Amino acid sequence: MKIQEINSYLVVSKGDKVLLLRRENGTWEFPGGGIEWGEDPQKAAIRETKEETGLDVQNVSFVTYTTATYKKGEDDKHSIYLVYKGETDSQEVVLSEEHKEYRWLNVLEAKFMKLALNADGVLEYLS
């Protein structure tokens, strides 16, 4: 089956650092996920960020979009990722069950991480 989905992600910055979250499979990504039916994509990115990190973000704006096609089981998937950026002044990240670790990294450091498809290609738009 061919499946297409649209997701929203939020690059959270604190000073010159951005937040990356590690999944169980070892890949790193920005907070975010699926847009609910009828939901505004920017609000979805803010909601997902709050759910996954406990962080409140301000000054949210659109950055770019990326896409990826891949196999997931027997299905062919096409994912579209809408990417926003925002700022926080909070020091405390409270991870959901979805992620195992977090790191605040500058953009150069983040380029050396094993990025998930939803984060790959985004860093070039941040510098």
PDB file of N, CA and C in Angstrom:
ATOM      1  N   MET A   1       0.840  -1.171   0.000  1.00  0.00           N
ATOM      2  CA  MET A   1       0.000   0.000   0.000  1.00  0.00           C
ATOM      3  C   MET A   1       0.893   1.245   0.000  1.00  0.00           C
ATOM      4  N   LYS A   2       0.444   2.284  -0.663  1.00  0.00           N
ATOM      5  CA  LYS A   2       1.160   3.561  -0.664  1.00  0.00           C
ATOM      6  C   LYS A   2       0.482   4.503   0.330  1.00  0.00           C
ATOM      7  N   ILE A   3       1.279   5.038   1.227  1.00  0.00           N
ATOM      8  CA  ILE A   3       0.769   5.910   2.287  1.00  0.00           C
ATOM      9  C   ILE A   3       1.499   7.243   2.221  1.00  0.00           C
ATOM     10  N   GLN A   4       0.742   8.331   2.309  1.00  0.00           N
ATOM     11  CA  GLN A   4       1.337   9.660   2.374  1.00  0.00           C
ATOM     12  C   GLN A   4       0.895  10.311   3.672  1.00  0.00           C
ATOM     13  N   GLU A   5       1.813  10.987   4.338  1.00  0.00           N
ATOM     14  CA  GLU A   5       1.485  11.644   5.599  1.00  0.00           C
ATOM     15  C   GLU A   5       2.175  12.990   5.679  1.00  0.00           C
ATOM     16  N   ILE A   6       1.586  13.884   6.470  1.00  0.00           N
ATOM     17  CA  ILE A   6       2.156  15.212   6.693  1.00  0.00           C
ATOM     18  C   ILE A   6       2.415  15.368   8.192  1.00  0.00           C
ATOM     19  N   ASN A   7       3.621  15.818   8.515  1.00  0.00           N
ATOM     20  CA  ASN A   7       4.042  15.987   9.900  1.00  0.00           C
ATOM     21  C   ASN A   7       4.589  17.393  10.113  1.00  0.00           C
ATOM     22  N   SER A   8       4.561  17.863  11.358  1.00  0.00           N
ATOM     23  CA  SER A   8       5.140  19.159  11.731  1.00  0.00           C
ATOM     24  C   SER A   8       6.211  18.945  12.784  1.00  0.00           C
ATOM     25  N   TYR A   9       7.330  19.635  12.613  1.00  0.00           N
ATOM     26  CA  TYR A   9       8.434  19.564  13.559  1.00  0.00           C
ATOM     27  C   TYR A   9       8.853  20.966  13.960  1.00  0.00           C
ATOM     28  N   LEU A  10       9.436  21.070  15.140  1.00  0.00           N
ATOM     29  CA  LEU A  10       9.832  22.374  15.658  1.00  0.00           C
ATOM     30  C   LEU A  10      11.277  22.320  16.130  1.00  0.00           C
ATOM     31  N   VAL A  11      12.112  23.142  15.541  1.00  0.00           N
ATOM     32  CA  VAL A  11      13.496  23.271  15.980  1.00  0.00           C
ATOM     33  C   VAL A  11      13.484  24.263  17.135  1.00  0.00           C
ATOM     34  N   VAL A  12      13.682  23.745  18.342  1.00  0.00           N
ATOM     35  CA  VAL A  12      13.658  24.575  19.544  1.00  0.00           C
ATOM     36  C   VAL A  12      15.077  25.057  19.813  1.00  0.00           C
ATOM     37  N   SER A  13      15.229  26.368  19.956  1.00  0.00           N
ATOM     38  CA  SER A  13      16.549  26.910  20.264  1.00  0.00           C
ATOM     39  C   SER A  13      16.535  27.587  21.623  1.00  0.00           C
ATOM     40  N   LYS A  14      17.710  27.532  22.237  1.00  0.00           N
ATOM     41  CA  LYS A  14      17.958  28.220  23.495  1.00  0.00           C
ATOM     42  C   LYS A  14      19.339  28.829  23.335  1.00  0.00           C
ATOM     43  N   GLY A  15      19.388  30.130  23.091  1.00  0.00           N
ATOM     44  CA  GLY A  15      20.665  30.759  22.756  1.00  0.00           C
ATOM     45  C   GLY A  15      21.136  30.249  21.403  1.00  0.00           C
ATOM     46  N   ASP A  16      22.385  29.763  21.345  1.00  0.00           N
ATOM     47  CA  ASP A  16      22.921  29.252  20.080  1.00  0.00           C
ATOM     48  C   ASP A  16      22.791  27.733  19.962  1.00  0.00           C
ATOM     49  N   LYS A  17      22.023  27.107  20.835  1.00  0.00           N
ATOM     50  CA  LYS A  17      21.853  25.646  20.838  1.00  0.00           C
ATOM     51  C   LYS A  17      20.464  25.264  20.339  1.00  0.00           C
ATOM     52  N   VAL A  18      20.388  24.076  19.706  1.00  0.00           N
ATOM     53  CA  VAL A  18      19.099  23.516  19.304  1.00  0.00           C
ATOM     54  C   VAL A  18      18.903  22.187  20.023  1.00  0.00           C
ATOM     55  N   LEU A  19      17.660  21.819  20.191  1.00  0.00           N
ATOM     56  CA  LEU A  19      17.312  20.606  20.923  1.00  0.00           C
ATOM     57  C   LEU A  19      17.141  19.435  19.962  1.00  0.00           C
ATOM     58  N   LEU A  20      17.854  18.342  20.236  1.00  0.00           N
ATOM     59  CA  LEU A  20      17.675  17.099  19.502  1.00  0.00           C
ATOM     60  C   LEU A  20      17.236  16.016  20.473  1.00  0.00           C
ATOM     61  N   LEU A  21      16.347  15.151  20.014  1.00  0.00           N
ATOM     62  CA  LEU A  21      15.822  14.049  20.815  1.00  0.00           C
ATOM     63  C   LEU A  21      16.226  12.726  20.179  1.00  0.00           C
ATOM     64  N   ARG A  22      16.640  11.756  21.014  1.00  0.00           N
ATOM     65  CA  ARG A  22      17.072  10.446  20.502  1.00  0.00           C
ATOM     66  C   ARG A  22      15.960   9.417  20.645  1.00  0.00           C
ATOM     67  N   ARG A  23      15.686   8.748  19.544  1.00  0.00           N
ATOM     68  CA  ARG A  23      14.737   7.634  19.547  1.00  0.00           C
ATOM     69  C   ARG A  23      15.455   6.350  19.958  1.00  0.00           C
ATOM     70  N   GLU A  24      14.680   5.323  20.253  1.00  0.00           N
ATOM     71  CA  GLU A  24      15.225   4.019  20.642  1.00  0.00           C
ATOM     72  C   GLU A  24      16.185   3.462  19.590  1.00  0.00           C
ATOM     73  N   ASN A  25      15.912   3.732  18.302  1.00  0.00           N
ATOM     74  CA  ASN A  25      16.759   3.191  17.226  1.00  0.00           C
ATOM     75  C   ASN A  25      18.075   3.953  17.066  1.00  0.00           C
ATOM     76  N   GLY A  26      18.320   4.959  17.906  1.00  0.00           N
ATOM     77  CA  GLY A  26      19.582   5.680  17.882  1.00  0.00           C
ATOM     78  C   GLY A  26      19.602   6.914  16.998  1.00  0.00           C
ATOM     79  N   THR A  27      18.518   7.182  16.285  1.00  0.00           N
ATOM     80  CA  THR A  27      18.490   8.379  15.450  1.00  0.00           C
ATOM     81  C   THR A  27      18.021   9.574  16.275  1.00  0.00           C
ATOM     82  N   TRP A  28      18.438  10.750  15.827  1.00  0.00           N
ATOM     83  CA  TRP A  28      18.125  12.006  16.507  1.00  0.00           C
ATOM     84  C   TRP A  28      17.180  12.819  15.648  1.00  0.00           C
ATOM     85  N   GLU A  29      16.251  13.505  16.291  1.00  0.00           N
ATOM     86  CA  GLU A  29      15.261  14.301  15.567  1.00  0.00           C
ATOM     87  C   GLU A  29      14.849  15.504  16.408  1.00  0.00           C
ATOM     88  N   PHE A  30      14.073  16.376  15.776  1.00  0.00           N
ATOM     89  CA  PHE A  30      13.476  17.501  16.477  1.00  0.00           C
ATOM     90  C   PHE A  30      12.123  17.072  17.012  1.00  0.00           C
ATOM     91  N   PRO A  31      11.604  17.740  18.038  1.00  0.00           N
ATOM     92  CA  PRO A  31      10.276  17.403  18.523  1.00  0.00           C
ATOM     93  C   PRO A  31       9.231  17.625  17.427  1.00  0.00           C
ATOM     94  N   GLY A  32       8.255  16.761  17.370  1.00  0.00           N
ATOM     95  CA  GLY A  32       7.189  16.918  16.384  1.00  0.00           C
ATOM     96  C   GLY A  32       6.533  15.602  16.059  1.00  0.00           C
ATOM     97  N   GLY A  33       5.653  15.651  15.066  1.00  0.00           N
ATOM     98  CA  GLY A  33       4.957  14.439  14.671  1.00  0.00           C
ATOM     99  C   GLY A  33       3.760  14.760  13.811  1.00  0.00           C
ATOM    100  N   GLY A  34       2.813  13.853  13.829  1.00  0.00           N
ATOM    101  CA  GLY A  34       1.657  13.934  12.953  1.00  0.00           C
ATOM    102  C   GLY A  34       0.739  15.108  13.257  1.00  0.00           C
ATOM    103  N   ILE A  35       0.211  15.662  12.168  1.00  0.00           N
ATOM    104  CA  ILE A  35      -0.785  16.725  12.272  1.00  0.00           C
ATOM    105  C   ILE A  35      -2.154  16.056  12.362  1.00  0.00           C
ATOM    106  N   GLU A  36      -2.916  16.412  13.366  1.00  0.00           N
ATOM    107  CA  GLU A  36      -4.256  15.836  13.518  1.00  0.00           C
ATOM    108  C   GLU A  36      -5.200  16.426  12.472  1.00  0.00           C
ATOM    109  N   TRP A  37      -6.263  15.697  12.161  1.00  0.00           N
ATOM    110  CA  TRP A  37      -7.231  16.117  11.154  1.00  0.00           C
ATOM    111  C   TRP A  37      -7.714  17.537  11.446  1.00  0.00           C
ATOM    112  N   GLY A  38      -7.546  18.434  10.470  1.00  0.00           N
ATOM    113  CA  GLY A  38      -8.012  19.814  10.598  1.00  0.00           C
ATOM    114  C   GLY A  38      -7.126  20.720  11.428  1.00  0.00           C
ATOM    115  N   GLU A  39      -6.044  20.198  11.975  1.00  0.00           N
ATOM    116  CA  GLU A  39      -5.177  20.983  12.854  1.00  0.00           C
ATOM    117  C   GLU A  39      -4.246  21.876  12.033  1.00  0.00           C
ATOM    118  N   ASP A  40      -4.029  23.086  12.504  1.00  0.00           N
ATOM    119  CA  ASP A  40      -3.070  23.992  11.900  1.00  0.00           C
ATOM    120  C   ASP A  40      -1.667  23.406  12.095  1.00  0.00           C
ATOM    121  N   PRO A  41      -0.842  23.319  11.028  1.00  0.00           N
ATOM    122  CA  PRO A  41       0.484  22.704  11.147  1.00  0.00           C
ATOM    123  C   PRO A  41       1.391  23.356  12.189  1.00  0.00           C
ATOM    124  N   GLN A  42       1.359  24.685  12.303  1.00  0.00           N
ATOM    125  CA  GLN A  42       2.198  25.355  13.299  1.00  0.00           C
ATOM    126  C   GLN A  42       1.736  24.994  14.706  1.00  0.00           C
ATOM    127  N   LYS A  43       0.434  24.966  14.913  1.00  0.00           N
ATOM    128  CA  LYS A  43      -0.086  24.587  16.236  1.00  0.00           C
ATOM    129  C   LYS A  43       0.239  23.131  16.550  1.00  0.00           C
ATOM    130  N   ALA A  44       0.260  22.282  15.518  1.00  0.00           N
ATOM    131  CA  ALA A  44       0.633  20.877  15.705  1.00  0.00           C
ATOM    132  C   ALA A  44       2.083  20.770  16.179  1.00  0.00           C
ATOM    133  N   ALA A  45       2.973  21.559  15.576  1.00  0.00           N
ATOM    134  CA  ALA A  45       4.384  21.539  15.975  1.00  0.00           C
ATOM    135  C   ALA A  45       4.548  21.986  17.423  1.00  0.00           C
ATOM    136  N   ILE A  46       3.814  23.019  17.812  1.00  0.00           N
ATOM    137  CA  ILE A  46       3.869  23.517  19.193  1.00  0.00           C
ATOM    138  C   ILE A  46       3.302  22.471  20.156  1.00  0.00           C
ATOM    139  N   ARG A  47       2.171  21.864  19.789  1.00  0.00           N
ATOM    140  CA  ARG A  47       1.548  20.828  20.629  1.00  0.00           C
ATOM    141  C   ARG A  47       2.473  19.630  20.809  1.00  0.00           C
ATOM    142  N   GLU A  48       3.016  19.129  19.689  1.00  0.00           N
ATOM    143  CA  GLU A  48       3.910  17.975  19.745  1.00  0.00           C
ATOM    144  C   GLU A  48       5.149  18.269  20.591  1.00  0.00           C
ATOM    145  N   THR A  49       5.685  19.477  20.464  1.00  0.00           N
ATOM    146  CA  THR A  49       6.852  19.865  21.254  1.00  0.00           C
ATOM    147  C   THR A  49       6.529  19.839  22.742  1.00  0.00           C
ATOM    148  N   LYS A  50       5.377  20.370  23.104  1.00  0.00           N
ATOM    149  CA  LYS A  50       4.958  20.367  24.514  1.00  0.00           C
ATOM    150  C   LYS A  50       4.777  18.926  25.014  1.00  0.00           C
ATOM    151  N   GLU A  51       4.128  18.077  24.193  1.00  0.00           N
ATOM    152  CA  GLU A  51       3.892  16.688  24.589  1.00  0.00           C
ATOM    153  C   GLU A  51       5.196  15.910  24.762  1.00  0.00           C
ATOM    154  N   GLU A  52       6.163  16.144  23.879  1.00  0.00           N
ATOM    155  CA  GLU A  52       7.385  15.354  23.872  1.00  0.00           C
ATOM    156  C   GLU A  52       8.478  15.885  24.782  1.00  0.00           C
ATOM    157  N   THR A  53       8.425  17.182  25.142  1.00  0.00           N
ATOM    158  CA  THR A  53       9.516  17.776  25.921  1.00  0.00           C
ATOM    159  C   THR A  53       9.058  18.553  27.146  1.00  0.00           C
ATOM    160  N   GLY A  54       7.781  18.892  27.217  1.00  0.00           N
ATOM    161  CA  GLY A  54       7.289  19.739  28.298  1.00  0.00           C
ATOM    162  C   GLY A  54       7.611  21.211  28.111  1.00  0.00           C
ATOM    163  N   LEU A  55       8.257  21.574  26.999  1.00  0.00           N
ATOM    164  CA  LEU A  55       8.703  22.960  26.786  1.00  0.00           C
ATOM    165  C   LEU A  55       7.617  23.834  26.174  1.00  0.00           C
ATOM    166  N   ASP A  56       7.578  25.078  26.627  1.00  0.00           N
ATOM    167  CA  ASP A  56       6.787  26.118  25.979  1.00  0.00           C
ATOM    168  C   ASP A  56       7.730  26.873  25.047  1.00  0.00           C
ATOM    169  N   VAL A  57       7.249  27.183  23.846  1.00  0.00           N
ATOM    170  CA  VAL A  57       8.084  27.887  22.874  1.00  0.00           C
ATOM    171  C   VAL A  57       7.429  29.192  22.465  1.00  0.00           C
ATOM    172  N   GLN A  58       8.271  30.156  22.090  1.00  0.00           N
ATOM    173  CA  GLN A  58       7.811  31.461  21.636  1.00  0.00           C
ATOM    174  C   GLN A  58       8.448  31.749  20.275  1.00  0.00           C
ATOM    175  N   ASN A  59       7.950  32.813  19.636  1.00  0.00           N
ATOM    176  CA  ASN A  59       8.503  33.295  18.368  1.00  0.00           C
ATOM    177  C   ASN A  59       8.595  32.193  17.322  1.00  0.00           C
ATOM    178  N   VAL A  60       7.523  31.452  17.159  1.00  0.00           N
ATOM    179  CA  VAL A  60       7.501  30.327  16.226  1.00  0.00           C
ATOM    180  C   VAL A  60       7.265  30.844  14.810  1.00  0.00           C
ATOM    181  N   SER A  61       8.089  30.355  13.879  1.00  0.00           N
ATOM    182  CA  SER A  61       7.944  30.728  12.469  1.00  0.00           C
ATOM    183  C   SER A  61       8.351  29.559  11.576  1.00  0.00           C
ATOM    184  N   PHE A  62       7.829  29.570  10.351  1.00  0.00           N
ATOM    185  CA  PHE A  62       8.106  28.516   9.383  1.00  0.00           C
ATOM    186  C   PHE A  62       9.540  28.628   8.865  1.00  0.00           C
ATOM    187  N   VAL A  63      10.226  27.483   8.715  1.00  0.00           N
ATOM    188  CA  VAL A  63      11.598  27.455   8.215  1.00  0.00           C
ATOM    189  C   VAL A  63      11.656  26.861   6.814  1.00  0.00           C
ATOM    190  N   THR A  64      11.191  25.625   6.668  1.00  0.00           N
ATOM    191  CA  THR A  64      11.284  24.919   5.396  1.00  0.00           C
ATOM    192  C   THR A  64      10.421  23.665   5.466  1.00  0.00           C
ATOM    193  N   TYR A  65      10.453  22.909   4.392  1.00  0.00           N
ATOM    194  CA  TYR A  65       9.853  21.582   4.411  1.00  0.00           C
ATOM    195  C   TYR A  65      10.854  20.612   3.806  1.00  0.00           C
ATOM    196  N   THR A  66      10.750  19.354   4.189  1.00  0.00           N
ATOM    197  CA  THR A  66      11.534  18.296   3.572  1.00  0.00           C
ATOM    198  C   THR A  66      10.591  17.135   3.298  1.00  0.00           C
ATOM    199  N   THR A  67      11.041  16.196   2.483  1.00  0.00           N
ATOM    200  CA  THR A  67      10.238  15.012   2.197  1.00  0.00           C
ATOM    201  C   THR A  67      11.138  13.784   2.198  1.00  0.00           C
ATOM    202  N   ALA A  68      10.532  12.635   2.378  1.00  0.00           N
ATOM    203  CA  ALA A  68      11.269  11.370   2.306  1.00  0.00           C
ATOM    204  C   ALA A  68      10.313  10.282   1.840  1.00  0.00           C
ATOM    205  N   THR A  69      10.846   9.370   1.047  1.00  0.00           N
ATOM    206  CA  THR A  69      10.101   8.165   0.679  1.00  0.00           C
ATOM    207  C   THR A  69      10.898   6.978   1.197  1.00  0.00           C
ATOM    208  N   TYR A  70      10.185   5.986   1.722  1.00  0.00           N
ATOM    209  CA  TYR A  70      10.855   4.835   2.326  1.00  0.00           C
ATOM    210  C   TYR A  70       9.860   3.693   2.495  1.00  0.00           C
ATOM    211  N   LYS A  71      10.383   2.521   2.762  1.00  0.00           N
ATOM    212  CA  LYS A  71       9.570   1.341   3.045  1.00  0.00           C
ATOM    213  C   LYS A  71       9.323   1.266   4.541  1.00  0.00           C
ATOM    214  N   LYS A  72       8.102   0.942   4.911  1.00  0.00           N
ATOM    215  CA  LYS A  72       7.781   0.667   6.315  1.00  0.00           C
ATOM    216  C   LYS A  72       6.970  -0.610   6.308  1.00  0.00           C
ATOM    217  N   GLY A  73       7.629  -1.705   6.634  1.00  0.00           N
ATOM    218  CA  GLY A  73       6.989  -3.007   6.501  1.00  0.00           C
ATOM    219  C   GLY A  73       6.730  -3.285   5.033  1.00  0.00           C
ATOM    220  N   GLU A  74       5.500  -3.595   4.708  1.00  0.00           N
ATOM    221  CA  GLU A  74       5.102  -3.861   3.321  1.00  0.00           C
ATOM    222  C   GLU A  74       4.685  -2.590   2.587  1.00  0.00           C
ATOM    223  N   ASP A  75       4.575  -1.486   3.306  1.00  0.00           N
ATOM    224  CA  ASP A  75       4.058  -0.250   2.721  1.00  0.00           C
ATOM    225  C   ASP A  75       5.168   0.637   2.170  1.00  0.00           C
ATOM    226  N   ASP A  76       4.817   1.405   1.148  1.00  0.00           N
ATOM    227  CA  ASP A  76       5.663   2.486   0.647  1.00  0.00           C
ATOM    228  C   ASP A  76       5.122   3.766   1.253  1.00  0.00           C
ATOM    229  N   LYS A  77       6.002   4.527   1.928  1.00  0.00           N
ATOM    230  CA  LYS A  77       5.562   5.762   2.578  1.00  0.00           C
ATOM    231  C   LYS A  77       6.200   6.975   1.927  1.00  0.00           C
ATOM    232  N   HIS A  78       5.423   8.038   1.854  1.00  0.00           N
ATOM    233  CA  HIS A  78       5.919   9.350   1.454  1.00  0.00           C
ATOM    234  C   HIS A  78       5.544  10.297   2.583  1.00  0.00           C
ATOM    235  N   SER A  79       6.544  10.799   3.276  1.00  0.00           N
ATOM    236  CA  SER A  79       6.308  11.709   4.398  1.00  0.00           C
ATOM    237  C   SER A  79       6.744  13.115   4.019  1.00  0.00           C
ATOM    238  N   ILE A  80       5.906  14.073   4.348  1.00  0.00           N
ATOM    239  CA  ILE A  80       6.198  15.483   4.155  1.00  0.00           C
ATOM    240  C   ILE A  80       6.366  16.088   5.542  1.00  0.00           C
ATOM    241  N   TYR A  81       7.481  16.767   5.750  1.00  0.00           N
ATOM    242  CA  TYR A  81       7.807  17.333   7.052  1.00  0.00           C
ATOM    243  C   TYR A  81       7.812  18.859   6.958  1.00  0.00           C
ATOM    244  N   LEU A  82       6.887  19.516   7.653  1.00  0.00           N
ATOM    245  CA  LEU A  82       6.860  20.977   7.745  1.00  0.00           C
ATOM    246  C   LEU A  82       7.678  21.359   8.974  1.00  0.00           C
ATOM    247  N   VAL A  83       8.660  22.219   8.780  1.00  0.00           N
ATOM    248  CA  VAL A  83       9.605  22.514   9.855  1.00  0.00           C
ATOM    249  C   VAL A  83       9.472  23.977  10.287  1.00  0.00           C
ATOM    250  N   TYR A  84       9.298  24.160  11.588  1.00  0.00           N
ATOM    251  CA  TYR A  84       9.198  25.481  12.206  1.00  0.00           C
ATOM    252  C   TYR A  84      10.368  25.651  13.158  1.00  0.00           C
ATOM    253  N   LYS A  85      10.615  26.888  13.565  1.00  0.00           N
ATOM    254  CA  LYS A  85      11.605  27.138  14.605  1.00  0.00           C
ATOM    255  C   LYS A  85      10.965  28.002  15.668  1.00  0.00           C
ATOM    256  N   GLY A  86      11.457  27.861  16.876  1.00  0.00           N
ATOM    257  CA  GLY A  86      10.961  28.645  17.995  1.00  0.00           C
ATOM    258  C   GLY A  86      12.002  28.680  19.088  1.00  0.00           C
ATOM    259  N   GLU A  87      11.751  29.498  20.091  1.00  0.00           N
ATOM    260  CA  GLU A  87      12.717  29.697  21.172  1.00  0.00           C
ATOM    261  C   GLU A  87      12.100  29.326  22.509  1.00  0.00           C
ATOM    262  N   THR A  88      12.964  28.934  23.428  1.00  0.00           N
ATOM    263  CA  THR A  88      12.538  28.698  24.801  1.00  0.00           C
ATOM    264  C   THR A  88      13.602  29.269  25.730  1.00  0.00           C
ATOM    265  N   ASP A  89      13.174  29.621  26.924  1.00  0.00           N
ATOM    266  CA  ASP A  89      14.143  30.026  27.939  1.00  0.00           C
ATOM    267  C   ASP A  89      14.145  29.027  29.087  1.00  0.00           C
ATOM    268  N   SER A  90      13.366  27.965  28.936  1.00  0.00           N
ATOM    269  CA  SER A  90      13.273  26.935  29.960  1.00  0.00           C
ATOM    270  C   SER A  90      14.527  26.073  29.983  1.00  0.00           C
ATOM    271  N   GLN A  91      14.932  25.664  31.143  1.00  0.00           N
ATOM    272  CA  GLN A  91      16.103  24.807  31.309  1.00  0.00           C
ATOM    273  C   GLN A  91      15.730  23.326  31.407  1.00  0.00           C
ATOM    274  N   GLU A  92      14.479  23.041  31.746  1.00  0.00           N
ATOM    275  CA  GLU A  92      14.101  21.667  32.059  1.00  0.00           C
ATOM    276  C   GLU A  92      13.326  21.012  30.926  1.00  0.00           C
ATOM    277  N   VAL A  93      13.888  19.933  30.382  1.00  0.00           N
ATOM    278  CA  VAL A  93      13.217  19.115  29.378  1.00  0.00           C
ATOM    279  C   VAL A  93      12.675  17.883  30.080  1.00  0.00           C
ATOM    280  N   VAL A  94      11.384  17.605  29.882  1.00  0.00           N
ATOM    281  CA  VAL A  94      10.764  16.404  30.430  1.00  0.00           C
ATOM    282  C   VAL A  94      10.356  15.540  29.240  1.00  0.00           C
ATOM    283  N   LEU A  95      11.123  14.473  28.992  1.00  0.00           N
ATOM    284  CA  LEU A  95      10.885  13.632  27.822  1.00  0.00           C
ATOM    285  C   LEU A  95       9.658  12.749  27.989  1.00  0.00           C
ATOM    286  N   SER A  96       8.950  12.559  26.894  1.00  0.00           N
ATOM    287  CA  SER A  96       7.865  11.578  26.862  1.00  0.00           C
ATOM    288  C   SER A  96       8.484  10.196  26.656  1.00  0.00           C
ATOM    289  N   GLU A  97       7.647   9.179  26.605  1.00  0.00           N
ATOM    290  CA  GLU A  97       8.112   7.803  26.386  1.00  0.00           C
ATOM    291  C   GLU A  97       8.703   7.605  24.992  1.00  0.00           C
ATOM    292  N   GLU A  98       8.419   8.521  24.076  1.00  0.00           N
ATOM    293  CA  GLU A  98       8.839   8.401  22.683  1.00  0.00           C
ATOM    294  C   GLU A  98      10.349   8.493  22.491  1.00  0.00           C
ATOM    295  N   HIS A  99      11.014   9.222  23.383  1.00  0.00           N
ATOM    296  CA  HIS A  99      12.440   9.475  23.237  1.00  0.00           C
ATOM    297  C   HIS A  99      13.195   9.033  24.481  1.00  0.00           C
ATOM    298  N   LYS A 100      14.478   8.715  24.281  1.00  0.00           N
ATOM    299  CA  LYS A 100      15.292   8.153  25.360  1.00  0.00           C
ATOM    300  C   LYS A 100      16.311   9.141  25.930  1.00  0.00           C
ATOM    301  N   GLU A 101      16.608  10.195  25.175  1.00  0.00           N
ATOM    302  CA  GLU A 101      17.658  11.131  25.584  1.00  0.00           C
ATOM    303  C   GLU A 101      17.453  12.437  24.830  1.00  0.00           C
ATOM    304  N   TYR A 102      18.002  13.516  25.368  1.00  0.00           N
ATOM    305  CA  TYR A 102      17.992  14.789  24.652  1.00  0.00           C
ATOM    306  C   TYR A 102      19.352  15.458  24.804  1.00  0.00           C
ATOM    307  N   ARG A 103      19.640  16.333  23.848  1.00  0.00           N
ATOM    308  CA  ARG A 103      20.873  17.121  23.915  1.00  0.00           C
ATOM    309  C   ARG A 103      20.617  18.497  23.320  1.00  0.00           C
ATOM    310  N   TRP A 104      21.229  19.497  23.942  1.00  0.00           N
ATOM    311  CA  TRP A 104      21.273  20.849  23.387  1.00  0.00           C
ATOM    312  C   TRP A 104      22.613  20.970  22.678  1.00  0.00           C
ATOM    313  N   LEU A 105      22.600  21.193  21.370  1.00  0.00           N
ATOM    314  CA  LEU A 105      23.821  21.247  20.570  1.00  0.00           C
ATOM    315  C   LEU A 105      23.805  22.464  19.662  1.00  0.00           C
ATOM    316  N   ASN A 106      24.994  22.986  19.341  1.00  0.00           N
ATOM    317  CA  ASN A 106      25.009  24.020  18.312  1.00  0.00           C
ATOM    318  C   ASN A 106      24.843  23.334  16.959  1.00  0.00           C
ATOM    319  N   VAL A 107      24.579  24.103  15.918  1.00  0.00           N
ATOM    320  CA  VAL A 107      24.269  23.529  14.604  1.00  0.00           C
ATOM    321  C   VAL A 107      25.420  22.676  14.087  1.00  0.00           C
ATOM    322  N   LEU A 108      26.651  23.106  14.300  1.00  0.00           N
ATOM    323  CA  LEU A 108      27.796  22.323  13.837  1.00  0.00           C
ATOM    324  C   LEU A 108      27.844  20.966  14.534  1.00  0.00           C
ATOM    325  N   GLU A 109      27.661  20.945  15.847  1.00  0.00           N
ATOM    326  CA  GLU A 109      27.652  19.677  16.584  1.00  0.00           C
ATOM    327  C   GLU A 109      26.513  18.777  16.100  1.00  0.00           C
ATOM    328  N   ALA A 110      25.356  19.364  15.858  1.00  0.00           N
ATOM    329  CA  ALA A 110      24.186  18.595  15.433  1.00  0.00           C
ATOM    330  C   ALA A 110      24.419  17.909  14.086  1.00  0.00           C
ATOM    331  N   LYS A 111      25.239  18.509  13.238  1.00  0.00           N
ATOM    332  CA  LYS A 111      25.521  17.920  11.920  1.00  0.00           C
ATOM    333  C   LYS A 111      26.243  16.584  12.028  1.00  0.00           C
ATOM    334  N   PHE A 112      26.870  16.304  13.165  1.00  0.00           N
ATOM    335  CA  PHE A 112      27.597  15.053  13.348  1.00  0.00           C
ATOM    336  C   PHE A 112      26.741  13.949  13.970  1.00  0.00           C
ATOM    337  N   MET A 113      25.490  14.251  14.279  1.00  0.00           N
ATOM    338  CA  MET A 113      24.588  13.263  14.866  1.00  0.00           C
ATOM    339  C   MET A 113      23.954  12.425  13.755  1.00  0.00           C
ATOM    340  N   LYS A 114      23.531  11.227  14.092  1.00  0.00           N
ATOM    341  CA  LYS A 114      22.814  10.357  13.142  1.00  0.00           C
ATOM    342  C   LYS A 114      21.358  10.846  13.117  1.00  0.00           C
ATOM    343  N   LEU A 115      21.038  11.674  12.120  1.00  0.00           N
ATOM    344  CA  LEU A 115      19.729  12.318  12.071  1.00  0.00           C
ATOM    345  C   LEU A 115      18.685  11.424  11.414  1.00  0.00           C
ATOM    346  N   ALA A 116      17.483  11.464  11.956  1.00  0.00           N
ATOM    347  CA  ALA A 116      16.343  10.761  11.365  1.00  0.00           C
ATOM    348  C   ALA A 116      15.929  11.466  10.079  1.00  0.00           C
ATOM    349  N   LEU A 117      15.141  10.783   9.250  1.00  0.00           N
ATOM    350  CA  LEU A 117      14.689  11.361   7.985  1.00  0.00           C
ATOM    351  C   LEU A 117      13.988  12.700   8.179  1.00  0.00           C
ATOM    352  N   ASN A 118      13.252  12.854   9.298  1.00  0.00           N
ATOM    353  CA  ASN A 118      12.509  14.089   9.524  1.00  0.00           C
ATOM    354  C   ASN A 118      13.397  15.256   9.951  1.00  0.00           C
ATOM    355  N   ALA A 119      14.655  15.004  10.244  1.00  0.00           N
ATOM    356  CA  ALA A 119      15.585  16.076  10.623  1.00  0.00           C
ATOM    357  C   ALA A 119      16.673  16.275   9.562  1.00  0.00           C
ATOM    358  N   ASP A 120      16.870  15.271   8.737  1.00  0.00           N
ATOM    359  CA  ASP A 120      17.908  15.330   7.724  1.00  0.00           C
ATOM    360  C   ASP A 120      17.622  16.482   6.743  1.00  0.00           C
ATOM    361  N   GLY A 121      18.624  17.299   6.486  1.00  0.00           N
ATOM    362  CA  GLY A 121      18.484  18.387   5.552  1.00  0.00           C
ATOM    363  C   GLY A 121      17.980  19.687   6.155  1.00  0.00           C
ATOM    364  N   VAL A 122      17.596  19.681   7.415  1.00  0.00           N
ATOM    365  CA  VAL A 122      17.023  20.876   8.040  1.00  0.00           C
ATOM    366  C   VAL A 122      18.107  21.816   8.542  1.00  0.00           C
ATOM    367  N   LEU A 123      19.209  21.289   9.034  1.00  0.00           N
ATOM    368  CA  LEU A 123      20.238  22.122   9.682  1.00  0.00           C
ATOM    369  C   LEU A 123      20.788  23.198   8.755  1.00  0.00           C
ATOM    370  N   GLU A 124      20.873  22.929   7.461  1.00  0.00           N
ATOM    371  CA  GLU A 124      21.409  23.929   6.531  1.00  0.00           C
ATOM    372  C   GLU A 124      20.552  25.196   6.488  1.00  0.00           C
ATOM    373  N   TYR A 125      19.292  25.094   6.887  1.00  0.00           N
ATOM    374  CA  TYR A 125      18.392  26.256   6.889  1.00  0.00           C
ATOM    375  C   TYR A 125      18.471  27.043   8.198  1.00  0.00           C
ATOM    376  N   LEU A 126      19.264  26.568   9.146  1.00  0.00           N
ATOM    377  CA  LEU A 126      19.324  27.209  10.467  1.00  0.00           C
ATOM    378  C   LEU A 126      20.527  28.113  10.646  1.00  0.00           C
ATOM    379  N   SER A 127      21.558  27.950   9.839  1.00  0.00           N
ATOM    380  CA  SER A 127      22.768  28.736  10.075  1.00  0.00           C
ATOM    381  C   SER A 127      22.714  30.092   9.417  1.00  0.00           C
TER     382      SER A 127
END
